[in-house]
Amino acid sequence: MRLTGFSDVGLRILIRLAVAEDGDRLSTRDIAAEMQVSYAHATKACAHLSARGWIEADRGRGGGVTLTASGRAAALGDVVRSLEGDDDGELIDCAGLGCPLRSACRLRSALATARAAFYASLNTVTVASLAQPPTRAVVLELTNR
């Protein structure tokens, strides 16, 4: 399974915000530059994260984004599932492929079990824990350029 670029951007933003001091508001433009992602992608990811309540975003002078308490405590599996737009659909499109094994296939069940285990494993990690050393030191180095 490979995560999308959108998930990568969203996760980098959450990590950056988790390293920030509580209450610090960072501009999306600064976060995009620090995390080496396009401003357009960062803006889209911030809108998604804000809609989920994981970050708070305010526009205009004195605005910016900050990690919420629920964002700090968010389980990584839940975040990734949201960013991926995972609606528990099949990992492969058996119907679209016209597979002759569809009616007796055990592969779909095995893939569903693997995906559930993937998200369960990620749910043992919180966003806050992603900002611990050594990641914290790297992020702080990026922000001091």
Protein backbone atom coordinates (compact mmCIF):
# COMPACT_ATOMS: atom_id res chain seq x y z
CA MET A 1 0.00 0.00 0.00
CA ARG A 2 1.34 3.42 -0.90
CA LEU A 3 0.08 6.66 0.62
CA THR A 4 -0.84 9.57 -1.61
CA GLY A 5 1.09 12.81 -1.81
CA PHE A 6 -1.85 14.51 -0.11
CA SER A 7 -1.37 12.30 2.95
CA ASP A 8 2.35 13.04 2.95
CA VAL A 9 1.70 16.79 2.93
CA GLY A 10 -0.99 16.56 5.61
CA LEU A 11 1.22 14.48 7.88
CA ARG A 12 4.19 16.83 7.45
CA ILE A 13 1.96 19.77 8.40
CA LEU A 14 0.72 17.99 11.52
CA ILE A 15 4.26 17.10 12.55
CA ARG A 16 5.40 20.69 12.02
CA LEU A 17 2.53 22.01 14.11
CA ALA A 18 3.12 19.39 16.82
CA VAL A 19 6.70 20.68 17.20
CA ALA A 20 5.56 24.32 17.49
CA GLU A 21 5.09 25.84 20.91
CA ASP A 22 1.52 25.63 22.20
CA GLY A 23 -0.47 28.54 20.88
CA ASP A 24 2.02 29.51 18.16
CA ARG A 25 0.27 30.40 14.93
CA LEU A 26 2.22 29.57 11.80
CA SER A 27 1.45 30.73 8.30
CA THR A 28 0.61 28.11 5.73
CA ARG A 29 3.18 29.69 3.44
CA ASP A 30 5.94 29.29 6.06
CA ILE A 31 4.94 25.70 6.80
CA ALA A 32 4.94 24.88 3.07
CA ALA A 33 8.45 26.31 2.69
CA GLU A 34 9.78 24.57 5.80
CA MET A 35 8.26 21.21 4.91
CA GLN A 36 9.29 21.60 1.25
CA VAL A 37 5.82 21.25 -0.24
CA SER A 38 3.91 23.53 -2.58
CA TYR A 39 1.84 26.28 -1.03
CA ALA A 40 -1.23 25.14 -3.00
CA HIS A 41 -0.95 21.60 -1.62
CA ALA A 42 -0.33 22.88 1.90
CA THR A 43 -3.41 25.11 1.69
CA LYS A 44 -5.59 22.22 0.53
CA ALA A 45 -4.25 19.92 3.27
CA CYS A 46 -4.77 22.62 5.93
CA ALA A 47 -8.38 23.03 4.82
CA HIS A 48 -8.92 19.28 5.17
CA LEU A 49 -7.22 19.11 8.58
CA SER A 50 -9.19 22.13 9.78
CA ALA A 51 -12.50 20.60 8.66
CA ARG A 52 -11.66 17.54 10.78
CA GLY A 53 -10.89 19.72 13.81
CA TRP A 54 -7.25 18.70 13.99
CA ILE A 55 -5.97 22.19 13.29
CA GLU A 56 -7.41 25.64 13.77
CA ALA A 57 -6.98 28.01 10.86
CA ASP A 58 -7.61 31.75 10.95
CA ARG A 59 -7.20 34.06 7.97
CA GLY A 60 -5.89 37.58 7.83
CA ARG A 61 -3.58 39.62 9.98
CA GLY A 62 -2.66 37.69 13.10
CA GLY A 63 -4.04 34.53 11.54
CA GLY A 64 -2.34 31.26 10.85
CA VAL A 65 -2.71 27.63 11.76
CA THR A 66 -2.21 25.84 15.04
CA LEU A 67 -2.66 22.27 16.21
CA THR A 68 -5.74 21.68 18.35
CA ALA A 69 -5.83 19.44 21.41
CA SER A 70 -7.76 16.85 19.40
CA GLY A 71 -5.17 17.12 16.65
CA ARG A 72 -2.35 16.51 19.11
CA ALA A 73 -4.15 13.42 20.47
CA ALA A 74 -5.35 12.16 17.07
CA ALA A 75 -4.52 8.55 16.26
CA LEU A 76 -2.34 8.31 13.18
CA GLY A 77 -4.50 5.61 11.59
CA ASP A 78 -7.56 7.85 11.79
CA VAL A 79 -5.61 10.74 10.28
CA VAL A 80 -4.23 8.65 7.43
CA ARG A 81 -7.62 7.10 6.71
CA SER A 82 -9.11 10.59 6.48
CA LEU A 83 -6.33 11.99 4.30
CA GLU A 84 -6.47 8.98 2.02
CA GLY A 85 -10.25 9.29 1.70
CA ASP A 86 -10.43 5.63 2.63
CA ASP A 87 -14.08 4.68 2.69
CA ASP A 88 -13.37 1.01 3.40
CA GLY A 89 -13.73 0.20 -0.28
CA GLU A 90 -11.93 -2.75 -1.78
CA LEU A 91 -8.18 -2.48 -2.35
CA ILE A 92 -8.66 -3.98 -5.80
CA ASP A 93 -11.61 -3.52 -8.12
CA CYS A 94 -12.60 -7.10 -8.75
CA ALA A 95 -15.82 -6.17 -10.55
CA GLY A 96 -14.10 -3.65 -12.80
CA LEU A 97 -11.42 -6.17 -13.70
CA GLY A 98 -14.03 -8.78 -14.64
CA CYS A 99 -12.15 -11.36 -12.60
CA PRO A 100 -13.46 -14.91 -13.04
CA LEU A 101 -12.50 -15.73 -9.42
CA ARG A 102 -14.73 -13.06 -7.93
CA SER A 103 -17.41 -15.38 -6.60
CA ALA A 104 -14.97 -17.55 -4.62
CA CYS A 105 -11.99 -15.27 -4.11
CA ARG A 106 -10.11 -15.35 -0.81
CA LEU A 107 -7.75 -12.54 -1.83
CA ARG A 108 -10.29 -9.77 -1.11
CA SER A 109 -10.72 -11.01 2.47
CA ALA A 110 -6.96 -11.25 3.00
CA LEU A 111 -6.46 -7.69 1.68
CA ALA A 112 -9.27 -6.36 3.89
CA THR A 113 -7.67 -8.00 6.93
CA ALA A 114 -4.27 -6.53 6.02
CA ARG A 115 -5.71 -3.04 5.62
CA ALA A 116 -7.48 -3.27 8.98
CA ALA A 117 -4.19 -4.35 10.61
CA PHE A 118 -2.36 -1.46 8.91
CA TYR A 119 -4.74 1.14 10.35
CA ALA A 120 -4.85 -0.59 13.75
CA SER A 121 -1.06 -0.47 13.91
CA LEU A 122 -1.02 3.22 12.98
CA ASN A 123 -3.66 3.93 15.62
CA THR A 124 -1.11 3.05 18.32
CA VAL A 125 0.73 6.28 17.39
CA THR A 126 -0.53 9.81 18.06
CA VAL A 127 0.30 12.99 16.19
CA ALA A 128 2.03 14.33 19.33
CA SER A 129 4.31 11.29 19.46
CA LEU A 130 5.48 11.99 15.90
CA ALA A 131 7.05 15.24 17.12
CA GLN A 132 9.40 13.55 19.60
CA PRO A 133 13.17 13.19 19.07
CA PRO A 134 14.80 12.71 16.68
CA THR A 135 12.09 14.19 14.45
CA ARG A 136 11.72 17.22 16.70
CA ALA A 137 15.39 18.18 16.25
CA VAL A 138 15.18 17.90 12.47
CA VAL A 139 12.04 20.04 12.32
CA LEU A 140 13.57 22.68 14.57
CA GLU A 141 16.67 22.73 12.36
CA LEU A 142 14.47 23.26 9.28
CA THR A 143 12.67 26.16 10.93
CA ASN A 144 15.87 27.95 11.91
CA ARG A 145 17.16 28.37 8.37
